[in-house]
Amino acid sequence: YQCDSCDVVTHFKVLLNNHTNIVHEKLEVNEDLKHLLKGHECGECDFQTCSLLVLLKHFCDTTHDSSKENFEVQPSQQWHKCEHCQYGTRRNDHLKRHYRNMQIPKM
């Protein structure tokens, strides 16, 4: 989806709507949802996305090197990991839900 007012392109219409509302219509960002707007950039071209998975797909679909050094996780994107299995998430509430679903008391 391409923005009609500038050069922004995204794979998701909801992200284009968010961009339009915030940048061009100057609406305020809900602080609870602000983390969704953090972007990821390709180190090899001008591709940008709000989703790390979409960035990974971009690397797979192009001739870019998909080696680990291209996927630098920012400190603000720390992972919360389960102490009992391989599960990990960036959101603490998702880890708590995981513990509830596994019927494991959170340590």
Protein backbone atom coordinates (compact mmCIF):
# COMPACT_ATOMS: atom_id res chain seq x y z
CA TYR A 1 0.00 0.00 0.00
CA GLN A 2 1.43 3.36 -1.09
CA CYS A 3 0.71 6.63 0.69
CA ASP A 4 -0.92 9.19 -1.62
CA SER A 5 0.84 12.09 0.13
CA CYS A 6 4.44 10.83 0.36
CA ASP A 7 6.75 7.92 -0.53
CA VAL A 8 5.78 5.59 2.36
CA VAL A 9 4.96 2.03 1.29
CA THR A 10 3.74 -0.77 3.58
CA HIS A 11 2.43 -4.30 3.23
CA PHE A 12 -0.49 -3.65 5.58
CA LYS A 13 -3.39 -1.26 5.03
CA VAL A 14 -3.78 -0.69 8.78
CA LEU A 15 -0.18 0.58 8.96
CA LEU A 16 -0.81 2.92 6.04
CA ASN A 17 -3.92 4.23 7.81
CA ASN A 18 -1.89 4.75 11.00
CA HIS A 19 0.81 6.58 9.02
CA THR A 20 -1.76 8.82 7.33
CA ASN A 21 -3.51 9.64 10.59
CA ILE A 22 -0.31 10.44 12.48
CA VAL A 23 1.85 12.11 9.83
CA HIS A 24 -0.61 13.80 7.51
CA GLU A 25 -3.67 14.37 9.70
CA LYS A 26 -1.57 15.08 12.83
CA LEU A 27 -3.61 12.84 15.12
CA GLU A 28 -2.07 11.89 18.47
CA VAL A 29 -0.61 8.43 18.99
CA ASN A 30 -2.19 6.24 21.65
CA GLU A 31 0.72 5.53 24.02
CA ASP A 32 -0.48 1.93 24.54
CA LEU A 33 -0.09 1.27 20.81
CA LYS A 34 3.06 3.30 20.15
CA HIS A 35 5.26 0.17 20.19
CA LEU A 36 3.49 -1.02 17.02
CA LEU A 37 4.89 1.90 15.05
CA LYS A 38 8.58 1.16 15.66
CA GLY A 39 10.14 0.34 12.36
CA HIS A 40 12.76 -2.06 11.07
CA GLU A 41 14.98 -1.12 8.14
CA CYS A 42 16.79 -3.24 5.61
CA GLY A 43 20.53 -2.62 5.77
CA GLU A 44 20.91 -3.29 2.04
CA CYS A 45 18.17 -1.10 0.53
CA ASP A 46 15.54 1.48 1.53
CA PHE A 47 12.91 -1.12 2.57
CA GLN A 48 11.19 -0.36 5.91
CA THR A 49 8.50 -2.19 7.86
CA CYS A 50 6.98 -2.28 11.34
CA SER A 51 7.22 -6.08 11.44
CA LEU A 52 10.43 -8.03 11.99
CA LEU A 53 8.77 -11.00 10.25
CA VAL A 54 8.03 -8.90 7.17
CA LEU A 55 11.68 -7.78 7.16
CA LEU A 56 12.75 -11.43 7.30
CA LYS A 57 10.41 -12.22 4.38
CA HIS A 58 11.95 -9.29 2.49
CA PHE A 59 15.40 -10.81 2.99
CA CYS A 60 14.15 -14.20 1.82
CA ASP A 61 12.47 -12.72 -1.26
CA THR A 62 15.47 -10.64 -2.33
CA THR A 63 19.11 -11.41 -2.98
CA HIS A 64 20.16 -9.81 0.32
CA ASP A 65 22.34 -11.81 2.69
CA SER A 66 20.03 -13.11 5.43
CA SER A 67 22.84 -13.68 7.90
CA LYS A 68 22.31 -12.98 11.56
CA GLU A 69 24.25 -9.71 11.69
CA ASN A 70 21.56 -8.03 9.55
CA PHE A 71 18.94 -8.61 12.26
CA GLU A 72 20.15 -6.44 15.11
CA VAL A 73 17.54 -6.32 17.87
CA GLN A 74 17.28 -2.94 19.55
CA PRO A 75 17.59 -2.89 23.37
CA SER A 76 14.00 -1.64 23.66
CA GLN A 77 12.89 -4.89 22.04
CA GLN A 78 14.06 -7.24 24.78
CA TRP A 79 12.67 -10.76 24.90
CA HIS A 80 10.80 -12.27 27.84
CA LYS A 81 11.63 -15.98 27.89
CA CYS A 82 9.85 -18.86 29.58
CA GLU A 83 11.97 -20.55 32.22
CA HIS A 84 10.38 -23.94 31.44
CA CYS A 85 10.46 -24.18 27.63
CA GLN A 86 11.71 -22.43 24.46
CA TYR A 87 8.82 -19.91 24.33
CA GLY A 88 9.83 -16.25 24.07
CA THR A 89 7.99 -13.00 23.41
CA ARG A 90 8.64 -9.27 23.46
CA ARG A 91 5.51 -8.67 25.52
CA ASN A 92 5.44 -9.52 29.21
CA ASP A 93 1.64 -9.95 29.16
CA HIS A 94 2.03 -12.67 26.51
CA LEU A 95 4.53 -14.48 28.74
CA LYS A 96 2.08 -14.28 31.66
CA ARG A 97 -0.65 -15.72 29.42
CA HIS A 98 1.75 -18.49 28.38
CA TYR A 99 2.37 -19.35 32.04
CA ARG A 100 -1.40 -19.41 32.69
CA ASN A 101 -2.03 -21.64 29.67
CA MET A 102 0.74 -23.99 30.75
CA GLN A 103 -0.60 -23.86 34.34
CA ILE A 104 2.85 -22.87 35.59
CA PRO A 105 3.04 -20.27 38.35
CA LYS A 106 5.10 -17.26 37.24
CA MET A 107 8.43 -17.18 39.06
